[in-house]
Amino acid sequence: MHGNQPRTITPDDLPEVITRYLTAHRAHDTGTAITTFTDDATVIDDGNTYRGSAAIEQWLDRSATEFTYTIHLTNAQEADTAHYIATHHLEGNFPGGTIDLRYRFTLRDDLIEHLSIEP
């Protein structure tokens, strides 16, 4: 992550915009979640790239209804003031049933410019 070794932080130390996104995403609140992204943001999830507000909103709507799962934040890291990782443990009715995913955030102007979700 840009040459900086991430350091572990408490979930409470994540920037407010990340916490707002994660809370909205868990609640399947697409309207709130989309406000946390820049207009030109990109999201990479499950091998697909979503660019811009309209594509990200469609991704949020689909991800909220595709599977039923629980999600728990298990770790938070900061590489620098613009790069964070939030690791989540998911259990649900998706293939495999459980997975730990790293949500890698890049921030710009107090909004999410880039989000990459990967095992």
PDB file of N, CA and C in Angstrom:
ATOM      1  N   MET A   1       0.847  -1.172   0.000  1.00  0.00           N
ATOM      2  CA  MET A   1       0.000   0.000   0.000  1.00  0.00           C
ATOM      3  C   MET A   1       0.890   1.231   0.000  1.00  0.00           C
ATOM      4  N   HIS A   2       1.393   1.596  -1.129  1.00  0.00           N
ATOM      5  CA  HIS A   2       2.224   2.773  -1.325  1.00  0.00           C
ATOM      6  C   HIS A   2       3.489   2.739  -0.480  1.00  0.00           C
ATOM      7  N   GLY A   3       4.025   1.539  -0.234  1.00  0.00           N
ATOM      8  CA  GLY A   3       5.293   1.425   0.448  1.00  0.00           C
ATOM      9  C   GLY A   3       5.218   1.568   1.956  1.00  0.00           C
ATOM     10  N   ASN A   4       4.088   1.940   2.489  1.00  0.00           N
ATOM     11  CA  ASN A   4       3.950   2.080   3.925  1.00  0.00           C
ATOM     12  C   ASN A   4       3.426   0.787   4.520  1.00  0.00           C
ATOM     13  N   GLN A   5       4.048   0.352   5.596  1.00  0.00           N
ATOM     14  CA  GLN A   5       3.573  -0.834   6.293  1.00  0.00           C
ATOM     15  C   GLN A   5       2.374  -0.418   7.144  1.00  0.00           C
ATOM     16  N   PRO A   6       1.195  -1.013   6.892  1.00  0.00           N
ATOM     17  CA  PRO A   6       0.029  -0.642   7.685  1.00  0.00           C
ATOM     18  C   PRO A   6       0.242  -0.964   9.163  1.00  0.00           C
ATOM     19  N   ARG A   7      -0.306  -0.112  10.025  1.00  0.00           N
ATOM     20  CA  ARG A   7      -0.247  -0.366  11.459  1.00  0.00           C
ATOM     21  C   ARG A   7      -1.653  -0.612  11.961  1.00  0.00           C
ATOM     22  N   THR A   8      -1.775  -1.504  12.919  1.00  0.00           N
ATOM     23  CA  THR A   8      -3.076  -1.836  13.484  1.00  0.00           C
ATOM     24  C   THR A   8      -3.596  -0.664  14.298  1.00  0.00           C
ATOM     25  N   ILE A   9      -4.869  -0.350  14.102  1.00  0.00           N
ATOM     26  CA  ILE A   9      -5.553   0.696  14.863  1.00  0.00           C
ATOM     27  C   ILE A   9      -6.847   0.099  15.408  1.00  0.00           C
ATOM     28  N   THR A  10      -7.493   0.815  16.298  1.00  0.00           N
ATOM     29  CA  THR A  10      -8.788   0.343  16.780  1.00  0.00           C
ATOM     30  C   THR A  10      -9.847   0.718  15.747  1.00  0.00           C
ATOM     31  N   PRO A  11     -10.921  -0.045  15.651  1.00  0.00           N
ATOM     32  CA  PRO A  11     -11.995   0.313  14.711  1.00  0.00           C
ATOM     33  C   PRO A  11     -12.505   1.741  14.938  1.00  0.00           C
ATOM     34  N   ASP A  12     -12.479   2.211  16.177  1.00  0.00           N
ATOM     35  CA  ASP A  12     -12.915   3.578  16.463  1.00  0.00           C
ATOM     36  C   ASP A  12     -11.998   4.625  15.837  1.00  0.00           C
ATOM     37  N   ASP A  13     -10.778   4.234  15.472  1.00  0.00           N
ATOM     38  CA  ASP A  13      -9.831   5.161  14.857  1.00  0.00           C
ATOM     39  C   ASP A  13      -9.956   5.228  13.338  1.00  0.00           C
ATOM     40  N   LEU A  14     -10.833   4.407  12.756  1.00  0.00           N
ATOM     41  CA  LEU A  14     -11.086   4.528  11.317  1.00  0.00           C
ATOM     42  C   LEU A  14     -11.730   5.884  11.042  1.00  0.00           C
ATOM     43  N   PRO A  15     -11.435   6.495   9.904  1.00  0.00           N
ATOM     44  CA  PRO A  15     -12.076   7.770   9.567  1.00  0.00           C
ATOM     45  C   PRO A  15     -13.599   7.635   9.543  1.00  0.00           C
ATOM     46  N   GLU A  16     -14.272   8.715   9.865  1.00  0.00           N
ATOM     47  CA  GLU A  16     -15.736   8.731   9.948  1.00  0.00           C
ATOM     48  C   GLU A  16     -16.381   8.253   8.656  1.00  0.00           C
ATOM     49  N   VAL A  17     -15.845   8.619   7.506  1.00  0.00           N
ATOM     50  CA  VAL A  17     -16.463   8.237   6.235  1.00  0.00           C
ATOM     51  C   VAL A  17     -16.420   6.717   6.042  1.00  0.00           C
ATOM     52  N   ILE A  18     -15.361   6.072   6.488  1.00  0.00           N
ATOM     53  CA  ILE A  18     -15.286   4.614   6.384  1.00  0.00           C
ATOM     54  C   ILE A  18     -16.289   3.974   7.330  1.00  0.00           C
ATOM     55  N   THR A  19     -16.361   4.469   8.549  1.00  0.00           N
ATOM     56  CA  THR A  19     -17.328   3.947   9.513  1.00  0.00           C
ATOM     57  C   THR A  19     -18.754   4.128   9.008  1.00  0.00           C
ATOM     58  N   ARG A  20     -19.037   5.286   8.418  1.00  0.00           N
ATOM     59  CA  ARG A  20     -20.376   5.545   7.870  1.00  0.00           C
ATOM     60  C   ARG A  20     -20.695   4.580   6.727  1.00  0.00           C
ATOM     61  N   TYR A  21     -19.710   4.358   5.840  1.00  0.00           N
ATOM     62  CA  TYR A  21     -19.910   3.402   4.748  1.00  0.00           C
ATOM     63  C   TYR A  21     -20.169   1.997   5.301  1.00  0.00           C
ATOM     64  N   LEU A  22     -19.316   1.533   6.205  1.00  0.00           N
ATOM     65  CA  LEU A  22     -19.448   0.175   6.735  1.00  0.00           C
ATOM     66  C   LEU A  22     -20.782  -0.022   7.444  1.00  0.00           C
ATOM     67  N   THR A  23     -21.215   0.969   8.208  1.00  0.00           N
ATOM     68  CA  THR A  23     -22.503   0.892   8.902  1.00  0.00           C
ATOM     69  C   THR A  23     -23.644   0.829   7.904  1.00  0.00           C
ATOM     70  N   ALA A  24     -23.604   1.679   6.881  1.00  0.00           N
ATOM     71  CA  ALA A  24     -24.661   1.691   5.860  1.00  0.00           C
ATOM     72  C   ALA A  24     -24.657   0.387   5.064  1.00  0.00           C
ATOM     73  N   HIS A  25     -23.474  -0.102   4.729  1.00  0.00           N
ATOM     74  CA  HIS A  25     -23.371  -1.349   3.960  1.00  0.00           C
ATOM     75  C   HIS A  25     -23.955  -2.514   4.754  1.00  0.00           C
ATOM     76  N   ARG A  26     -23.630  -2.591   6.035  1.00  0.00           N
ATOM     77  CA  ARG A  26     -24.180  -3.655   6.890  1.00  0.00           C
ATOM     78  C   ARG A  26     -25.693  -3.581   6.981  1.00  0.00           C
ATOM     79  N   ALA A  27     -26.229  -2.356   6.981  1.00  0.00           N
ATOM     80  CA  ALA A  27     -27.680  -2.146   7.100  1.00  0.00           C
ATOM     81  C   ALA A  27     -28.382  -2.190   5.745  1.00  0.00           C
ATOM     82  N   HIS A  28     -27.634  -2.438   4.665  1.00  0.00           N
ATOM     83  CA  HIS A  28     -28.178  -2.444   3.300  1.00  0.00           C
ATOM     84  C   HIS A  28     -28.812  -1.097   2.960  1.00  0.00           C
ATOM     85  N   ASP A  29     -28.194  -0.012   3.444  1.00  0.00           N
ATOM     86  CA  ASP A  29     -28.660   1.353   3.222  1.00  0.00           C
ATOM     87  C   ASP A  29     -27.860   1.960   2.062  1.00  0.00           C
ATOM     88  N   THR A  30     -28.284   1.642   0.846  1.00  0.00           N
ATOM     89  CA  THR A  30     -27.574   2.101  -0.346  1.00  0.00           C
ATOM     90  C   THR A  30     -27.529   3.620  -0.432  1.00  0.00           C
ATOM     91  N   GLY A  31     -28.631   4.281  -0.050  1.00  0.00           N
ATOM     92  CA  GLY A  31     -28.696   5.737  -0.134  1.00  0.00           C
ATOM     93  C   GLY A  31     -27.607   6.414   0.676  1.00  0.00           C
ATOM     94  N   THR A  32     -27.351   5.920   1.878  1.00  0.00           N
ATOM     95  CA  THR A  32     -26.287   6.487   2.708  1.00  0.00           C
ATOM     96  C   THR A  32     -24.924   6.031   2.218  1.00  0.00           C
ATOM     97  N   ALA A  33     -24.787   4.755   1.880  1.00  0.00           N
ATOM     98  CA  ALA A  33     -23.488   4.228   1.448  1.00  0.00           C
ATOM     99  C   ALA A  33     -22.947   4.978   0.234  1.00  0.00           C
ATOM    100  N   ILE A  34     -23.796   5.296  -0.734  1.00  0.00           N
ATOM    101  CA  ILE A  34     -23.316   5.944  -1.958  1.00  0.00           C
ATOM    102  C   ILE A  34     -22.792   7.353  -1.673  1.00  0.00           C
ATOM    103  N   THR A  35     -23.274   8.004  -0.625  1.00  0.00           N
ATOM    104  CA  THR A  35     -22.803   9.362  -0.301  1.00  0.00           C
ATOM    105  C   THR A  35     -21.384   9.377   0.247  1.00  0.00           C
ATOM    106  N   THR A  36     -20.826   8.215   0.549  1.00  0.00           N
ATOM    107  CA  THR A  36     -19.469   8.167   1.092  1.00  0.00           C
ATOM    108  C   THR A  36     -18.404   8.110   0.000  1.00  0.00           C
ATOM    109  N   PHE A  37     -18.816   7.990  -1.266  1.00  0.00           N
ATOM    110  CA  PHE A  37     -17.887   7.865  -2.386  1.00  0.00           C
ATOM    111  C   PHE A  37     -17.759   9.170  -3.162  1.00  0.00           C
ATOM    112  N   THR A  38     -16.561   9.406  -3.743  1.00  0.00           N
ATOM    113  CA  THR A  38     -16.400  10.508  -4.680  1.00  0.00           C
ATOM    114  C   THR A  38     -17.207  10.186  -5.937  1.00  0.00           C
ATOM    115  N   ASP A  39     -17.519  11.200  -6.729  1.00  0.00           N
ATOM    116  CA  ASP A  39     -18.297  10.983  -7.958  1.00  0.00           C
ATOM    117  C   ASP A  39     -17.575  10.070  -8.949  1.00  0.00           C
ATOM    118  N   ASP A  40     -16.234  10.099  -8.921  1.00  0.00           N
ATOM    119  CA  ASP A  40     -15.443   9.306  -9.870  1.00  0.00           C
ATOM    120  C   ASP A  40     -14.793   8.088  -9.206  1.00  0.00           C
ATOM    121  N   ALA A  41     -15.339   7.652  -8.090  1.00  0.00           N
ATOM    122  CA  ALA A  41     -14.765   6.534  -7.336  1.00  0.00           C
ATOM    123  C   ALA A  41     -14.784   5.239  -8.132  1.00  0.00           C
ATOM    124  N   THR A  42     -13.922   4.308  -7.707  1.00  0.00           N
ATOM    125  CA  THR A  42     -13.925   2.958  -8.259  1.00  0.00           C
ATOM    126  C   THR A  42     -14.027   1.950  -7.110  1.00  0.00           C
ATOM    127  N   VAL A  43     -14.717   0.860  -7.393  1.00  0.00           N
ATOM    128  CA  VAL A  43     -14.816  -0.264  -6.465  1.00  0.00           C
ATOM    129  C   VAL A  43     -14.420  -1.511  -7.231  1.00  0.00           C
ATOM    130  N   ILE A  44     -13.560  -2.331  -6.622  1.00  0.00           N
ATOM    131  CA  ILE A  44     -13.205  -3.623  -7.191  1.00  0.00           C
ATOM    132  C   ILE A  44     -13.689  -4.682  -6.204  1.00  0.00           C
ATOM    133  N   ASP A  45     -14.561  -5.563  -6.695  1.00  0.00           N
ATOM    134  CA  ASP A  45     -15.126  -6.610  -5.850  1.00  0.00           C
ATOM    135  C   ASP A  45     -15.367  -7.849  -6.697  1.00  0.00           C
ATOM    136  N   ASP A  46     -14.908  -8.971  -6.209  1.00  0.00           N
ATOM    137  CA  ASP A  46     -15.144 -10.262  -6.856  1.00  0.00           C
ATOM    138  C   ASP A  46     -14.711 -10.256  -8.327  1.00  0.00           C
ATOM    139  N   GLY A  47     -13.574  -9.600  -8.597  1.00  0.00           N
ATOM    140  CA  GLY A  47     -13.030  -9.572  -9.948  1.00  0.00           C
ATOM    141  C   GLY A  47     -13.652  -8.562 -10.887  1.00  0.00           C
ATOM    142  N   ASN A  48     -14.614  -7.783 -10.408  1.00  0.00           N
ATOM    143  CA  ASN A  48     -15.275  -6.777 -11.240  1.00  0.00           C
ATOM    144  C   ASN A  48     -14.924  -5.379 -10.761  1.00  0.00           C
ATOM    145  N   THR A  49     -14.850  -4.439 -11.713  1.00  0.00           N
ATOM    146  CA  THR A  49     -14.560  -3.049 -11.391  1.00  0.00           C
ATOM    147  C   THR A  49     -15.784  -2.201 -11.694  1.00  0.00           C
ATOM    148  N   TYR A  50     -16.159  -1.359 -10.743  1.00  0.00           N
ATOM    149  CA  TYR A  50     -17.313  -0.462 -10.874  1.00  0.00           C
ATOM    150  C   TYR A  50     -16.788   0.967 -10.778  1.00  0.00           C
ATOM    151  N   ARG A  51     -17.077   1.765 -11.815  1.00  0.00           N
ATOM    152  CA  ARG A  51     -16.562   3.144 -11.873  1.00  0.00           C
ATOM    153  C   ARG A  51     -17.714   4.129 -11.878  1.00  0.00           C
ATOM    154  N   GLY A  52     -17.628   5.121 -11.009  1.00  0.00           N
ATOM    155  CA  GLY A  52     -18.621   6.186 -10.969  1.00  0.00           C
ATOM    156  C   GLY A  52     -19.819   5.841 -10.102  1.00  0.00           C
ATOM    157  N   SER A  53     -20.549   6.870  -9.735  1.00  0.00           N
ATOM    158  CA  SER A  53     -21.661   6.740  -8.788  1.00  0.00           C
ATOM    159  C   SER A  53     -22.736   5.761  -9.242  1.00  0.00           C
ATOM    160  N   ALA A  54     -23.138   5.819 -10.503  1.00  0.00           N
ATOM    161  CA  ALA A  54     -24.229   4.948 -10.984  1.00  0.00           C
ATOM    162  C   ALA A  54     -23.835   3.482 -10.892  1.00  0.00           C
ATOM    163  N   ALA A  55     -22.623   3.142 -11.333  1.00  0.00           N
ATOM    164  CA  ALA A  55     -22.170   1.751 -11.291  1.00  0.00           C
ATOM    165  C   ALA A  55     -21.998   1.275  -9.851  1.00  0.00           C
ATOM    166  N   ILE A  56     -21.481   2.131  -8.989  1.00  0.00           N
ATOM    167  CA  ILE A  56     -21.296   1.754  -7.584  1.00  0.00           C
ATOM    168  C   ILE A  56     -22.648   1.580  -6.903  1.00  0.00           C
ATOM    169  N   GLU A  57     -23.601   2.421  -7.214  1.00  0.00           N
ATOM    170  CA  GLU A  57     -24.936   2.277  -6.630  1.00  0.00           C
ATOM    171  C   GLU A  57     -25.570   0.946  -7.043  1.00  0.00           C
ATOM    172  N   GLN A  58     -25.420   0.566  -8.302  1.00  0.00           N
ATOM    173  CA  GLN A  58     -25.935  -0.736  -8.757  1.00  0.00           C
ATOM    174  C   GLN A  58     -25.240  -1.880  -8.026  1.00  0.00           C
ATOM    175  N   TRP A  59     -23.921  -1.773  -7.855  1.00  0.00           N
ATOM    176  CA  TRP A  59     -23.172  -2.789  -7.119  1.00  0.00           C
ATOM    177  C   TRP A  59     -23.671  -2.884  -5.676  1.00  0.00           C
ATOM    178  N   LEU A  60     -23.881  -1.741  -5.029  1.00  0.00           N
ATOM    179  CA  LEU A  60     -24.378  -1.735  -3.646  1.00  0.00           C
ATOM    180  C   LEU A  60     -25.749  -2.402  -3.555  1.00  0.00           C
ATOM    181  N   ASP A  61     -26.642  -2.069  -4.486  1.00  0.00           N
ATOM    182  CA  ASP A  61     -27.978  -2.678  -4.489  1.00  0.00           C
ATOM    183  C   ASP A  61     -27.889  -4.196  -4.668  1.00  0.00           C
ATOM    184  N   ARG A  62     -27.054  -4.646  -5.606  1.00  0.00           N
ATOM    185  CA  ARG A  62     -26.909  -6.073  -5.864  1.00  0.00           C
ATOM    186  C   ARG A  62     -26.290  -6.780  -4.665  1.00  0.00           C
ATOM    187  N   SER A  63     -25.237  -6.204  -4.094  1.00  0.00           N
ATOM    188  CA  SER A  63     -24.554  -6.869  -2.985  1.00  0.00           C
ATOM    189  C   SER A  63     -25.431  -6.928  -1.737  1.00  0.00           C
ATOM    190  N   ALA A  64     -26.397  -6.027  -1.638  1.00  0.00           N
ATOM    191  CA  ALA A  64     -27.298  -6.023  -0.479  1.00  0.00           C
ATOM    192  C   ALA A  64     -28.342  -7.130  -0.561  1.00  0.00           C
ATOM    193  N   THR A  65     -28.604  -7.641  -1.774  1.00  0.00           N
ATOM    194  CA  THR A  65     -29.691  -8.608  -1.934  1.00  0.00           C
ATOM    195  C   THR A  65     -29.238  -9.972  -2.452  1.00  0.00           C
ATOM    196  N   GLU A  66     -28.010 -10.077  -2.941  1.00  0.00           N
ATOM    197  CA  GLU A  66     -27.561 -11.310  -3.574  1.00  0.00           C
ATOM    198  C   GLU A  66     -27.463 -12.476  -2.586  1.00  0.00           C
ATOM    199  N   PHE A  67     -26.930 -12.219  -1.391  1.00  0.00           N
ATOM    200  CA  PHE A  67     -26.765 -13.264  -0.383  1.00  0.00           C
ATOM    201  C   PHE A  67     -27.197 -12.724   0.973  1.00  0.00           C
ATOM    202  N   THR A  68     -27.486 -13.642   1.891  1.00  0.00           N
ATOM    203  CA  THR A  68     -27.750 -13.285   3.271  1.00  0.00           C
ATOM    204  C   THR A  68     -26.519 -13.679   4.075  1.00  0.00           C
ATOM    205  N   TYR A  69     -26.017 -12.738   4.888  1.00  0.00           N
ATOM    206  CA  TYR A  69     -24.796 -13.024   5.637  1.00  0.00           C
ATOM    207  C   TYR A  69     -24.689 -12.111   6.841  1.00  0.00           C
ATOM    208  N   THR A  70     -23.853 -12.539   7.791  1.00  0.00           N
ATOM    209  CA  THR A  70     -23.466 -11.668   8.896  1.00  0.00           C
ATOM    210  C   THR A  70     -22.056 -11.177   8.604  1.00  0.00           C
ATOM    211  N   ILE A  71     -21.738 -10.008   9.102  1.00  0.00           N
ATOM    212  CA  ILE A  71     -20.425  -9.417   8.856  1.00  0.00           C
ATOM    213  C   ILE A  71     -19.925  -8.808  10.160  1.00  0.00           C
ATOM    214  N   HIS A  72     -18.685  -9.124  10.505  1.00  0.00           N
ATOM    215  CA  HIS A  72     -18.080  -8.612  11.735  1.00  0.00           C
ATOM    216  C   HIS A  72     -16.709  -8.034  11.424  1.00  0.00           C
ATOM    217  N   LEU A  73     -16.476  -6.808  11.842  1.00  0.00           N
ATOM    218  CA  LEU A  73     -15.177  -6.168  11.696  1.00  0.00           C
ATOM    219  C   LEU A  73     -14.203  -6.830  12.665  1.00  0.00           C
ATOM    220  N   THR A  74     -13.118  -7.397  12.149  1.00  0.00           N
ATOM    221  CA  THR A  74     -12.170  -8.117  12.999  1.00  0.00           C
ATOM    222  C   THR A  74     -10.823  -7.414  13.137  1.00  0.00           C
ATOM    223  N   ASN A  75     -10.522  -6.456  12.249  1.00  0.00           N
ATOM    224  CA  ASN A  75      -9.226  -5.787  12.308  1.00  0.00           C
ATOM    225  C   ASN A  75      -9.303  -4.487  11.518  1.00  0.00           C
ATOM    226  N   ALA A  76      -8.548  -3.495  11.955  1.00  0.00           N
ATOM    227  CA  ALA A  76      -8.445  -2.229  11.234  1.00  0.00           C
ATOM    228  C   ALA A  76      -6.980  -1.821  11.186  1.00  0.00           C
ATOM    229  N   GLN A  77      -6.568  -1.296  10.025  1.00  0.00           N
ATOM    230  CA  GLN A  77      -5.188  -0.867   9.847  1.00  0.00           C
ATOM    231  C   GLN A  77      -5.147   0.460   9.100  1.00  0.00           C
ATOM    232  N   GLU A  78      -4.084   1.209   9.365  1.00  0.00           N
ATOM    233  CA  GLU A  78      -3.844   2.477   8.676  1.00  0.00           C
ATOM    234  C   GLU A  78      -2.447   2.434   8.079  1.00  0.00           C
ATOM    235  N   ALA A  79      -2.331   2.729   6.779  1.00  0.00           N
ATOM    236  CA  ALA A  79      -1.021   2.845   6.140  1.00  0.00           C
ATOM    237  C   ALA A  79      -0.553   4.298   6.182  1.00  0.00           C
ATOM    238  N   ASP A  80      -1.490   5.210   5.925  1.00  0.00           N
ATOM    239  CA  ASP A  80      -1.256   6.643   6.037  1.00  0.00           C
ATOM    240  C   ASP A  80      -2.635   7.292   6.113  1.00  0.00           C
ATOM    241  N   THR A  81      -2.701   8.614   6.092  1.00  0.00           N
ATOM    242  CA  THR A  81      -3.981   9.288   6.308  1.00  0.00           C
ATOM    243  C   THR A  81      -4.982   9.097   5.174  1.00  0.00           C
ATOM    244  N   ALA A  82      -4.572   8.462   4.085  1.00  0.00           N
ATOM    245  CA  ALA A  82      -5.492   8.238   2.967  1.00  0.00           C
ATOM    246  C   ALA A  82      -5.732   6.758   2.679  1.00  0.00           C
ATOM    247  N   HIS A  83      -5.031   5.852   3.362  1.00  0.00           N
ATOM    248  CA  HIS A  83      -5.110   4.427   3.040  1.00  0.00           C
ATOM    249  C   HIS A  83      -5.370   3.594   4.303  1.00  0.00           C
ATOM    250  N   TYR A  84      -6.486   2.856   4.258  1.00  0.00           N
ATOM    251  CA  TYR A  84      -6.915   2.062   5.405  1.00  0.00           C
ATOM    252  C   TYR A  84      -7.364   0.682   4.943  1.00  0.00           C
ATOM    253  N   ILE A  85      -7.271  -0.283   5.851  1.00  0.00           N
ATOM    254  CA  ILE A  85      -7.765  -1.628   5.599  1.00  0.00           C
ATOM    255  C   ILE A  85      -8.683  -2.013   6.756  1.00  0.00           C
ATOM    256  N   ALA A  86      -9.875  -2.477   6.418  1.00  0.00           N
ATOM    257  CA  ALA A  86     -10.814  -2.984   7.417  1.00  0.00           C
ATOM    258  C   ALA A  86     -11.084  -4.443   7.059  1.00  0.00           C
ATOM    259  N   THR A  87     -10.696  -5.360   7.929  1.00  0.00           N
ATOM    260  CA  THR A  87     -10.882  -6.785   7.677  1.00  0.00           C
ATOM    261  C   THR A  87     -12.169  -7.247   8.333  1.00  0.00           C
ATOM    262  N   HIS A  88     -12.972  -7.962   7.566  1.00  0.00           N
ATOM    263  CA  HIS A  88     -14.272  -8.453   8.041  1.00  0.00           C
ATOM    264  C   HIS A  88     -14.360  -9.964   7.898  1.00  0.00           C
ATOM    265  N   HIS A  89     -15.063 -10.570   8.844  1.00  0.00           N
ATOM    266  CA  HIS A  89     -15.385 -11.997   8.773  1.00  0.00           C
ATOM    267  C   HIS A  89     -16.855 -12.093   8.377  1.00  0.00           C
ATOM    268  N   LEU A  90     -17.134 -12.799   7.287  1.00  0.00           N
ATOM    269  CA  LEU A  90     -18.499 -12.982   6.802  1.00  0.00           C
ATOM    270  C   LEU A  90     -18.896 -14.444   6.912  1.00  0.00           C
ATOM    271  N   GLU A  91     -20.138 -14.673   7.312  1.00  0.00           N
ATOM    272  CA  GLU A  91     -20.733 -16.004   7.311  1.00  0.00           C
ATOM    273  C   GLU A  91     -22.111 -15.881   6.701  1.00  0.00           C
ATOM    274  N   GLY A  92     -22.424 -16.783   5.750  1.00  0.00           N
ATOM    275  CA  GLY A  92     -23.734 -16.696   5.119  1.00  0.00           C
ATOM    276  C   GLY A  92     -23.981 -17.783   4.106  1.00  0.00           C
ATOM    277  N   ASN A  93     -24.938 -17.509   3.212  1.00  0.00           N
ATOM    278  CA  ASN A  93     -25.363 -18.508   2.229  1.00  0.00           C
ATOM    279  C   ASN A  93     -24.680 -18.329   0.874  1.00  0.00           C
ATOM    280  N   PHE A  94     -23.505 -17.736   0.865  1.00  0.00           N
ATOM    281  CA  PHE A  94     -22.721 -17.599  -0.361  1.00  0.00           C
ATOM    282  C   PHE A  94     -21.811 -18.829  -0.499  1.00  0.00           C
ATOM    283  N   PRO A  95     -21.264 -19.062  -1.696  1.00  0.00           N
ATOM    284  CA  PRO A  95     -20.388 -20.229  -1.880  1.00  0.00           C
ATOM    285  C   PRO A  95     -19.250 -20.239  -0.858  1.00  0.00           C
ATOM    286  N   GLY A  96     -19.090 -21.350  -0.167  1.00  0.00           N
ATOM    287  CA  GLY A  96     -18.055 -21.485   0.852  1.00  0.00           C
ATOM    288  C   GLY A  96     -18.555 -21.207   2.258  1.00  0.00           C
ATOM    289  N   GLY A  97     -19.547 -20.344   2.389  1.00  0.00           N
ATOM    290  CA  GLY A  97     -20.193 -20.090   3.672  1.00  0.00           C
ATOM    291  C   GLY A  97     -19.489 -19.166   4.639  1.00  0.00           C
ATOM    292  N   THR A  98     -18.144 -19.113   4.613  1.00  0.00           N
ATOM    293  CA  THR A  98     -17.397 -18.179   5.462  1.00  0.00           C
ATOM    294  C   THR A  98     -16.209 -17.646   4.685  1.00  0.00           C
ATOM    295  N   ILE A  99     -15.842 -16.415   4.987  1.00  0.00           N
ATOM    296  CA  ILE A  99     -14.672 -15.810   4.351  1.00  0.00           C
ATOM    297  C   ILE A  99     -14.240 -14.603   5.168  1.00  0.00           C
ATOM    298  N   ASP A 100     -12.943 -14.336   5.152  1.00  0.00           N
ATOM    299  CA  ASP A 100     -12.403 -13.100   5.701  1.00  0.00           C
ATOM    300  C   ASP A 100     -12.030 -12.220   4.515  1.00  0.00           C
ATOM    301  N   LEU A 101     -12.547 -11.008   4.488  1.00  0.00           N
ATOM    302  CA  LEU A 101     -12.305 -10.078   3.386  1.00  0.00           C
ATOM    303  C   LEU A 101     -11.622  -8.819   3.893  1.00  0.00           C
ATOM    304  N   ARG A 102     -10.660  -8.338   3.112  1.00  0.00           N
ATOM    305  CA  ARG A 102      -9.997  -7.058   3.398  1.00  0.00           C
ATOM    306  C   ARG A 102     -10.631  -5.991   2.507  1.00  0.00           C
ATOM    307  N   TYR A 103     -11.140  -4.958   3.144  1.00  0.00           N
ATOM    308  CA  TYR A 103     -11.670  -3.799   2.437  1.00  0.00           C
ATOM    309  C   TYR A 103     -10.552  -2.759   2.460  1.00  0.00           C
ATOM    310  N   ARG A 104      -9.952  -2.519   1.299  1.00  0.00           N
ATOM    311  CA  ARG A 104      -8.848  -1.559   1.189  1.00  0.00           C
ATOM    312  C   ARG A 104      -9.410  -0.234   0.673  1.00  0.00           C
ATOM    313  N   PHE A 105      -9.307   0.782   1.489  1.00  0.00           N
ATOM    314  CA  PHE A 105      -9.866   2.100   1.176  1.00  0.00           C
ATOM    315  C   PHE A 105      -8.771   3.090   0.827  1.00  0.00           C
ATOM    316  N   THR A 106      -9.031   3.909  -0.192  1.00  0.00           N
ATOM    317  CA  THR A 106      -8.230   5.091  -0.485  1.00  0.00           C
ATOM    318  C   THR A 106      -9.180   6.277  -0.385  1.00  0.00           C
ATOM    319  N   LEU A 107      -8.795   7.265   0.415  1.00  0.00           N
ATOM    320  CA  LEU A 107      -9.646   8.440   0.634  1.00  0.00           C
ATOM    321  C   LEU A 107      -9.113   9.646  -0.118  1.00  0.00           C
ATOM    322  N   ARG A 108     -10.044  10.520  -0.495  1.00  0.00           N
ATOM    323  CA  ARG A 108      -9.708  11.813  -1.098  1.00  0.00           C
ATOM    324  C   ARG A 108     -10.775  12.800  -0.662  1.00  0.00           C
ATOM    325  N   ASP A 109     -10.369  13.911  -0.111  1.00  0.00           N
ATOM    326  CA  ASP A 109     -11.307  14.955   0.320  1.00  0.00           C
ATOM    327  C   ASP A 109     -12.393  14.392   1.232  1.00  0.00           C
ATOM    328  N   ASP A 110     -11.974  13.556   2.192  1.00  0.00           N
ATOM    329  CA  ASP A 110     -12.880  12.973   3.191  1.00  0.00           C
ATOM    330  C   ASP A 110     -13.965  12.082   2.586  1.00  0.00           C
ATOM    331  N   LEU A 111     -13.729  11.541   1.405  1.00  0.00           N
ATOM    332  CA  LEU A 111     -14.636  10.587   0.771  1.00  0.00           C
ATOM    333  C   LEU A 111     -13.822   9.395   0.270  1.00  0.00           C
ATOM    334  N   ILE A 112     -14.507   8.311  -0.055  1.00  0.00           N
ATOM    335  CA  ILE A 112     -13.845   7.116  -0.563  1.00  0.00           C
ATOM    336  C   ILE A 112     -13.630   7.272  -2.069  1.00  0.00           C
ATOM    337  N   GLU A 113     -12.374   7.270  -2.460  1.00  0.00           N
ATOM    338  CA  GLU A 113     -12.022   7.384  -3.876  1.00  0.00           C
ATOM    339  C   GLU A 113     -11.881   5.997  -4.508  1.00  0.00           C
ATOM    340  N   HIS A 114     -11.424   5.040  -3.705  1.00  0.00           N
ATOM    341  CA  HIS A 114     -11.202   3.688  -4.215  1.00  0.00           C
ATOM    342  C   HIS A 114     -11.455   2.699  -3.085  1.00  0.00           C
ATOM    343  N   LEU A 115     -12.141   1.607  -3.422  1.00  0.00           N
ATOM    344  CA  LEU A 115     -12.368   0.509  -2.495  1.00  0.00           C
ATOM    345  C   LEU A 115     -12.104  -0.786  -3.227  1.00  0.00           C
ATOM    346  N   SER A 116     -11.221  -1.600  -2.672  1.00  0.00           N
ATOM    347  CA  SER A 116     -10.923  -2.911  -3.213  1.00  0.00           C
ATOM    348  C   SER A 116     -11.252  -3.930  -2.136  1.00  0.00           C
ATOM    349  N   ILE A 117     -12.099  -4.914  -2.480  1.00  0.00           N
ATOM    350  CA  ILE A 117     -12.499  -5.955  -1.530  1.00  0.00           C
ATOM    351  C   ILE A 117     -11.909  -7.265  -2.008  1.00  0.00           C
ATOM    352  N   GLU A 118     -11.101  -7.901  -1.136  1.00  0.00           N
ATOM    353  CA  GLU A 118     -10.408  -9.120  -1.535  1.00  0.00           C
ATOM    354  C   GLU A 118     -10.158 -10.020  -0.333  1.00  0.00           C
ATOM    355  N   PRO A 119     -10.039 -11.330  -0.585  1.00  0.00           N
ATOM    356  CA  PRO A 119      -9.728 -12.260   0.513  1.00  0.00           C
ATOM    357  C   PRO A 119      -8.344 -12.018   1.084  1.00  0.00           C
TER     358      PRO A 119
END
